[in-house]
Amino acid sequence: MNKSLFEIQKITQSQNFLEEIFSNCNSKVIPKNEFLLKAGEHCTHAFFVKKGVLRQFVLSEEGKESIVLFASENWILADRASTYFQEPSEFYIQAVESSKVYFLDEKFIQELSMKNTDFFDLNTKMLHNHIRHLQNRIKHLLSLNSRDKYLQFVKQYPDLYGRVPQSMIASYLGMTPETLSRIRREVSHE
């Protein structure tokens, strides 16, 4: 997914669609903790992170947050089920830090995909990358122990370490902040 802007530029420069794409999206600086999407709303945009960090999470009935994804620079984040099936979202998308975000209208993305086969291929490739990322995330949650989950996170997201609060990292990894703290201490002494 990190190559998404490069791929868009490669396709659009050769076909002069870059202006059309950016003239059909808005950019906005999103303050820390501001929501781009709340559960119950319909997701009508994909959010391209130019600068900053977003998170996608769910809330249990008891109010416990479980973070599904982080998106930093050059990542695209959206609720695909809400978008494609016109369902209310079950997710929240929130800025972890002040972030510059491009709002890509999903209807426009679909229209452009129908007009331009290269853009359609790019959109399909990005969806496949998203699916692969989610499958790997599920595999790691189900098969790795807490220590290995943490090491995988540090390896996969070196740019997030230090930018995202430890409590959010613990939520993403499916462990308590205390467990994460213990693991970090153990790893630092190795």
C-alpha atoms as a PDB file:
ATOM      1  CA  MET A   1       0.000   0.000   0.000  1.00  0.00           C
ATOM      2  CA  ASN A   2       2.888   2.366   0.608  1.00  0.00           C
ATOM      3  CA  LYS A   3       3.532   2.419  -3.129  1.00  0.00           C
ATOM      4  CA  SER A   4      -0.028   3.575  -3.851  1.00  0.00           C
ATOM      5  CA  LEU A   5       0.738   7.240  -4.558  1.00  0.00           C
ATOM      6  CA  PHE A   6       3.713   6.278  -6.725  1.00  0.00           C
ATOM      7  CA  GLU A   7       1.534   3.820  -8.661  1.00  0.00           C
ATOM      8  CA  ILE A   8      -1.211   6.444  -9.088  1.00  0.00           C
ATOM      9  CA  GLN A   9       1.332   8.986 -10.346  1.00  0.00           C
ATOM     10  CA  LYS A  10       2.883   6.454 -12.745  1.00  0.00           C
ATOM     11  CA  ILE A  11      -0.492   5.621 -14.283  1.00  0.00           C
ATOM     12  CA  THR A  12      -1.953   9.099 -14.221  1.00  0.00           C
ATOM     13  CA  GLN A  13       1.069  10.961 -15.559  1.00  0.00           C
ATOM     14  CA  SER A  14       1.101   8.808 -18.641  1.00  0.00           C
ATOM     15  CA  GLN A  15      -2.630   9.243 -19.101  1.00  0.00           C
ATOM     16  CA  ASN A  16      -3.092  12.763 -17.754  1.00  0.00           C
ATOM     17  CA  PHE A  17      -5.519  11.735 -15.005  1.00  0.00           C
ATOM     18  CA  LEU A  18      -3.543  13.212 -12.116  1.00  0.00           C
ATOM     19  CA  GLU A  19      -5.321  16.567 -12.363  1.00  0.00           C
ATOM     20  CA  GLU A  20      -8.700  14.864 -12.537  1.00  0.00           C
ATOM     21  CA  ILE A  21      -7.985  12.791  -9.433  1.00  0.00           C
ATOM     22  CA  PHE A  22      -6.752  15.673  -7.303  1.00  0.00           C
ATOM     23  CA  SER A  23      -9.409  18.090  -8.548  1.00  0.00           C
ATOM     24  CA  ASN A  24     -11.996  15.583  -7.315  1.00  0.00           C
ATOM     25  CA  CYS A  25     -10.622  15.203  -3.815  1.00  0.00           C
ATOM     26  CA  ASN A  26     -10.274  17.547  -0.882  1.00  0.00           C
ATOM     27  CA  SER A  27      -7.365  17.707   1.486  1.00  0.00           C
ATOM     28  CA  LYS A  28      -7.712  18.709   5.086  1.00  0.00           C
ATOM     29  CA  VAL A  29      -5.515  18.880   8.158  1.00  0.00           C
ATOM     30  CA  ILE A  30      -7.220  16.687  10.739  1.00  0.00           C
ATOM     31  CA  PRO A  31      -6.431  17.638  14.350  1.00  0.00           C
ATOM     32  CA  LYS A  32      -5.289  14.950  16.772  1.00  0.00           C
ATOM     33  CA  ASN A  33      -8.234  12.876  18.098  1.00  0.00           C
ATOM     34  CA  GLU A  34     -10.700  14.159  15.459  1.00  0.00           C
ATOM     35  CA  PHE A  35     -12.899  11.502  13.846  1.00  0.00           C
ATOM     36  CA  LEU A  36     -13.132  11.017  10.097  1.00  0.00           C
ATOM     37  CA  LEU A  37     -15.730   8.257  10.507  1.00  0.00           C
ATOM     38  CA  LYS A  38     -17.874   7.033  13.389  1.00  0.00           C
ATOM     39  CA  ALA A  39     -19.763   3.781  13.813  1.00  0.00           C
ATOM     40  CA  GLY A  40     -23.261   4.114  12.367  1.00  0.00           C
ATOM     41  CA  GLU A  41     -22.188   6.519   9.614  1.00  0.00           C
ATOM     42  CA  HIS A  42     -21.782   5.543   5.964  1.00  0.00           C
ATOM     43  CA  CYS A  43     -18.213   5.604   4.646  1.00  0.00           C
ATOM     44  CA  THR A  44     -18.211   7.526   1.367  1.00  0.00           C
ATOM     45  CA  HIS A  45     -14.493   8.316   1.128  1.00  0.00           C
ATOM     46  CA  ALA A  46     -11.168   6.590   1.195  1.00  0.00           C
ATOM     47  CA  PHE A  47      -8.643   8.528   3.249  1.00  0.00           C
ATOM     48  CA  PHE A  48      -5.148   8.915   1.804  1.00  0.00           C
ATOM     49  CA  VAL A  49      -2.668   9.896   4.518  1.00  0.00           C
ATOM     50  CA  LYS A  50      -0.198  12.455   3.190  1.00  0.00           C
ATOM     51  CA  LYS A  51       1.226  13.166   6.668  1.00  0.00           C
ATOM     52  CA  GLY A  52       0.307  11.814  10.085  1.00  0.00           C
ATOM     53  CA  VAL A  53      -1.302   8.684  11.502  1.00  0.00           C
ATOM     54  CA  LEU A  54      -4.899   7.450  11.512  1.00  0.00           C
ATOM     55  CA  ARG A  55      -6.358   4.475  13.323  1.00  0.00           C
ATOM     56  CA  GLN A  56      -9.385   2.305  12.613  1.00  0.00           C
ATOM     57  CA  PHE A  57     -11.013   0.676  15.618  1.00  0.00           C
ATOM     58  CA  VAL A  58     -14.168  -0.902  17.003  1.00  0.00           C
ATOM     59  CA  LEU A  59     -15.803  -0.467  20.393  1.00  0.00           C
ATOM     60  CA  SER A  60     -17.209  -3.397  22.341  1.00  0.00           C
ATOM     61  CA  GLU A  61     -20.534  -3.095  24.139  1.00  0.00           C
ATOM     62  CA  GLU A  62     -18.503  -2.470  27.301  1.00  0.00           C
ATOM     63  CA  GLY A  63     -16.685   0.420  25.598  1.00  0.00           C
ATOM     64  CA  LYS A  64     -13.348  -1.363  25.098  1.00  0.00           C
ATOM     65  CA  GLU A  65     -11.424  -0.222  22.022  1.00  0.00           C
ATOM     66  CA  SER A  66      -9.838  -2.763  19.688  1.00  0.00           C
ATOM     67  CA  ILE A  67      -7.634  -1.239  17.021  1.00  0.00           C
ATOM     68  CA  VAL A  68      -7.887  -2.961  13.654  1.00  0.00           C
ATOM     69  CA  LEU A  69      -5.441  -0.899  11.583  1.00  0.00           C
ATOM     70  CA  PHE A  70      -3.053   2.018  11.672  1.00  0.00           C
ATOM     71  CA  ALA A  71      -2.451   4.102   8.546  1.00  0.00           C
ATOM     72  CA  SER A  72       0.551   6.396   8.253  1.00  0.00           C
ATOM     73  CA  GLU A  73       2.075   8.261   5.319  1.00  0.00           C
ATOM     74  CA  ASN A  74       1.065   6.949   1.878  1.00  0.00           C
ATOM     75  CA  TRP A  75      -1.516   4.545   3.259  1.00  0.00           C
ATOM     76  CA  ILE A  76      -5.167   4.539   2.261  1.00  0.00           C
ATOM     77  CA  LEU A  77      -7.795   3.737   4.875  1.00  0.00           C
ATOM     78  CA  ALA A  78     -11.550   3.218   4.474  1.00  0.00           C
ATOM     79  CA  ASP A  79     -14.361   0.970   5.622  1.00  0.00           C
ATOM     80  CA  ARG A  80     -14.716  -1.161   2.499  1.00  0.00           C
ATOM     81  CA  ALA A  81     -17.865  -2.981   3.647  1.00  0.00           C
ATOM     82  CA  SER A  82     -19.653   0.291   4.344  1.00  0.00           C
ATOM     83  CA  THR A  83     -18.511   1.710   1.017  1.00  0.00           C
ATOM     84  CA  TYR A  84     -19.279  -1.200  -1.275  1.00  0.00           C
ATOM     85  CA  PHE A  85     -22.423  -2.498   0.397  1.00  0.00           C
ATOM     86  CA  GLN A  86     -23.803   0.885   1.492  1.00  0.00           C
ATOM     87  CA  GLU A  87     -23.994  -0.345   5.088  1.00  0.00           C
ATOM     88  CA  PRO A  88     -23.551   1.745   8.210  1.00  0.00           C
ATOM     89  CA  SER A  89     -19.981   1.442   9.402  1.00  0.00           C
ATOM     90  CA  GLU A  90     -19.089  -0.590  12.464  1.00  0.00           C
ATOM     91  CA  PHE A  91     -15.736   1.212  12.709  1.00  0.00           C
ATOM     92  CA  TYR A  92     -14.305   4.488  13.879  1.00  0.00           C
ATOM     93  CA  ILE A  93     -11.488   6.213  12.000  1.00  0.00           C
ATOM     94  CA  GLN A  94      -9.612   8.793  14.060  1.00  0.00           C
ATOM     95  CA  ALA A  95      -6.441  10.882  13.796  1.00  0.00           C
ATOM     96  CA  VAL A  96      -3.775   9.674  16.230  1.00  0.00           C
ATOM     97  CA  GLU A  97      -1.748  12.820  15.535  1.00  0.00           C
ATOM     98  CA  SER A  98      -2.425  15.930  13.490  1.00  0.00           C
ATOM     99  CA  SER A  99      -2.674  14.557   9.947  1.00  0.00           C
ATOM    100  CA  LYS A 100      -2.955  15.872   6.398  1.00  0.00           C
ATOM    101  CA  VAL A 101      -5.488  13.664   4.648  1.00  0.00           C
ATOM    102  CA  TYR A 102      -6.870  13.544   1.112  1.00  0.00           C
ATOM    103  CA  PHE A 103     -10.552  12.595   0.929  1.00  0.00           C
ATOM    104  CA  LEU A 104     -11.041  10.386  -2.133  1.00  0.00           C
ATOM    105  CA  ASP A 105     -14.719  10.117  -3.028  1.00  0.00           C
ATOM    106  CA  GLU A 106     -15.544   6.429  -3.506  1.00  0.00           C
ATOM    107  CA  LYS A 107     -18.099   7.129  -6.264  1.00  0.00           C
ATOM    108  CA  PHE A 108     -15.453   9.045  -8.191  1.00  0.00           C
ATOM    109  CA  ILE A 109     -12.967   6.183  -7.717  1.00  0.00           C
ATOM    110  CA  GLN A 110     -15.540   3.752  -9.133  1.00  0.00           C
ATOM    111  CA  GLU A 111     -16.335   6.052 -12.076  1.00  0.00           C
ATOM    112  CA  LEU A 112     -12.656   6.544 -12.879  1.00  0.00           C
ATOM    113  CA  SER A 113     -12.092   2.789 -12.651  1.00  0.00           C
ATOM    114  CA  MET A 114     -14.827   2.260 -15.243  1.00  0.00           C
ATOM    115  CA  LYS A 115     -13.302   4.855 -17.601  1.00  0.00           C
ATOM    116  CA  ASN A 116      -9.667   3.865 -17.247  1.00  0.00           C
ATOM    117  CA  THR A 117      -8.511   0.241 -17.273  1.00  0.00           C
ATOM    118  CA  ASP A 118      -5.090   1.107 -15.827  1.00  0.00           C
ATOM    119  CA  PHE A 119      -6.725   2.856 -12.886  1.00  0.00           C
ATOM    120  CA  PHE A 120      -9.096  -0.104 -12.502  1.00  0.00           C
ATOM    121  CA  ASP A 121      -6.079  -2.423 -12.340  1.00  0.00           C
ATOM    122  CA  LEU A 122      -4.430  -0.164  -9.759  1.00  0.00           C
ATOM    123  CA  ASN A 123      -7.581  -0.051  -7.625  1.00  0.00           C
ATOM    124  CA  THR A 124      -7.863  -3.846  -7.814  1.00  0.00           C
ATOM    125  CA  LYS A 125      -4.200  -4.228  -6.861  1.00  0.00           C
ATOM    126  CA  MET A 126      -4.664  -1.921  -3.854  1.00  0.00           C
ATOM    127  CA  LEU A 127      -7.720  -3.913  -2.733  1.00  0.00           C
ATOM    128  CA  HIS A 128      -5.743  -7.144  -3.055  1.00  0.00           C
ATOM    129  CA  ASN A 129      -2.913  -5.620  -0.991  1.00  0.00           C
ATOM    130  CA  HIS A 130      -5.463  -4.583   1.630  1.00  0.00           C
ATOM    131  CA  ILE A 131      -6.859  -8.127   1.768  1.00  0.00           C
ATOM    132  CA  ARG A 132      -3.345  -9.577   2.046  1.00  0.00           C
ATOM    133  CA  HIS A 133      -2.519  -7.175   4.878  1.00  0.00           C
ATOM    134  CA  LEU A 134      -5.703  -8.111   6.768  1.00  0.00           C
ATOM    135  CA  GLN A 135      -5.067 -11.838   6.275  1.00  0.00           C
ATOM    136  CA  ASN A 136      -1.551 -11.455   7.670  1.00  0.00           C
ATOM    137  CA  ARG A 137      -2.931  -9.452  10.580  1.00  0.00           C
ATOM    138  CA  ILE A 138      -5.451 -12.206  11.400  1.00  0.00           C
ATOM    139  CA  LYS A 139      -2.750 -14.879  11.076  1.00  0.00           C
ATOM    140  CA  HIS A 140      -0.444 -13.000  13.468  1.00  0.00           C
ATOM    141  CA  LEU A 141      -3.220 -12.399  16.007  1.00  0.00           C
ATOM    142  CA  LEU A 142      -4.182 -16.069  16.000  1.00  0.00           C
ATOM    143  CA  SER A 143      -0.800 -17.761  15.762  1.00  0.00           C
ATOM    144  CA  LEU A 144       1.847 -15.606  17.449  1.00  0.00           C
ATOM    145  CA  ASN A 145       2.535 -15.325  21.164  1.00  0.00           C
ATOM    146  CA  SER A 146       2.523 -11.862  22.757  1.00  0.00           C
ATOM    147  CA  ARG A 147       6.278 -11.367  22.447  1.00  0.00           C
ATOM    148  CA  ASP A 148       6.299 -12.297  18.750  1.00  0.00           C
ATOM    149  CA  LYS A 149       3.274 -10.066  18.065  1.00  0.00           C
ATOM    150  CA  TYR A 150       5.228  -7.148  19.511  1.00  0.00           C
ATOM    151  CA  LEU A 151       8.385  -7.965  17.525  1.00  0.00           C
ATOM    152  CA  GLN A 152       6.319  -8.302  14.341  1.00  0.00           C
ATOM    153  CA  PHE A 153       4.724  -4.891  15.001  1.00  0.00           C
ATOM    154  CA  VAL A 154       8.123  -3.215  15.481  1.00  0.00           C
ATOM    155  CA  LYS A 155       9.403  -4.853  12.285  1.00  0.00           C
ATOM    156  CA  GLN A 156       6.305  -4.052  10.228  1.00  0.00           C
ATOM    157  CA  TYR A 157       5.706  -0.510  11.540  1.00  0.00           C
ATOM    158  CA  PRO A 158       9.067   1.012  12.498  1.00  0.00           C
ATOM    159  CA  ASP A 159       7.727   4.463  11.592  1.00  0.00           C
ATOM    160  CA  LEU A 160       4.872   4.175  14.124  1.00  0.00           C
ATOM    161  CA  TYR A 161       6.969   3.307  17.120  1.00  0.00           C
ATOM    162  CA  GLY A 162       7.225   6.477  19.215  1.00  0.00           C
ATOM    163  CA  ARG A 163       4.352   8.182  17.368  1.00  0.00           C
ATOM    164  CA  VAL A 164       1.552   5.974  18.658  1.00  0.00           C
ATOM    165  CA  PRO A 165       0.774   5.720  22.397  1.00  0.00           C
ATOM    166  CA  GLN A 166       1.715   2.405  24.024  1.00  0.00           C
ATOM    167  CA  SER A 167      -1.920   1.855  25.038  1.00  0.00           C
ATOM    168  CA  MET A 168      -2.920   1.922  21.349  1.00  0.00           C
ATOM    169  CA  ILE A 169      -0.135  -0.468  20.381  1.00  0.00           C
ATOM    170  CA  ALA A 170      -1.323  -2.833  23.132  1.00  0.00           C
ATOM    171  CA  SER A 171      -4.897  -2.589  21.818  1.00  0.00           C
ATOM    172  CA  TYR A 172      -3.703  -3.320  18.272  1.00  0.00           C
ATOM    173  CA  LEU A 173      -1.755  -6.345  19.504  1.00  0.00           C
ATOM    174  CA  GLY A 174      -4.654  -7.660  21.603  1.00  0.00           C
ATOM    175  CA  MET A 175      -2.879  -7.410  24.945  1.00  0.00           C
ATOM    176  CA  THR A 176      -2.976  -5.259  28.051  1.00  0.00           C
ATOM    177  CA  PRO A 177      -0.651  -2.258  28.369  1.00  0.00           C
ATOM    178  CA  GLU A 178       0.989  -4.034  31.323  1.00  0.00           C
ATOM    179  CA  THR A 179       1.808  -7.083  29.188  1.00  0.00           C
ATOM    180  CA  LEU A 180       3.244  -4.850  26.475  1.00  0.00           C
ATOM    181  CA  SER A 181       5.343  -3.002  29.056  1.00  0.00           C
ATOM    182  CA  ARG A 182       6.734  -6.277  30.411  1.00  0.00           C
ATOM    183  CA  ILE A 183       7.568  -7.530  26.899  1.00  0.00           C
ATOM    184  CA  ARG A 184       9.291  -4.252  25.995  1.00  0.00           C
ATOM    185  CA  ARG A 185      11.433  -4.500  29.151  1.00  0.00           C
ATOM    186  CA  GLU A 186      12.370  -8.108  28.380  1.00  0.00           C
ATOM    187  CA  VAL A 187      13.247  -7.335  24.766  1.00  0.00           C
ATOM    188  CA  SER A 188      15.335  -4.290  25.746  1.00  0.00           C
ATOM    189  CA  HIS A 189      17.466  -6.487  28.048  1.00  0.00           C
ATOM    190  CA  GLU A 190      18.256  -9.029  25.332  1.00  0.00           C
END
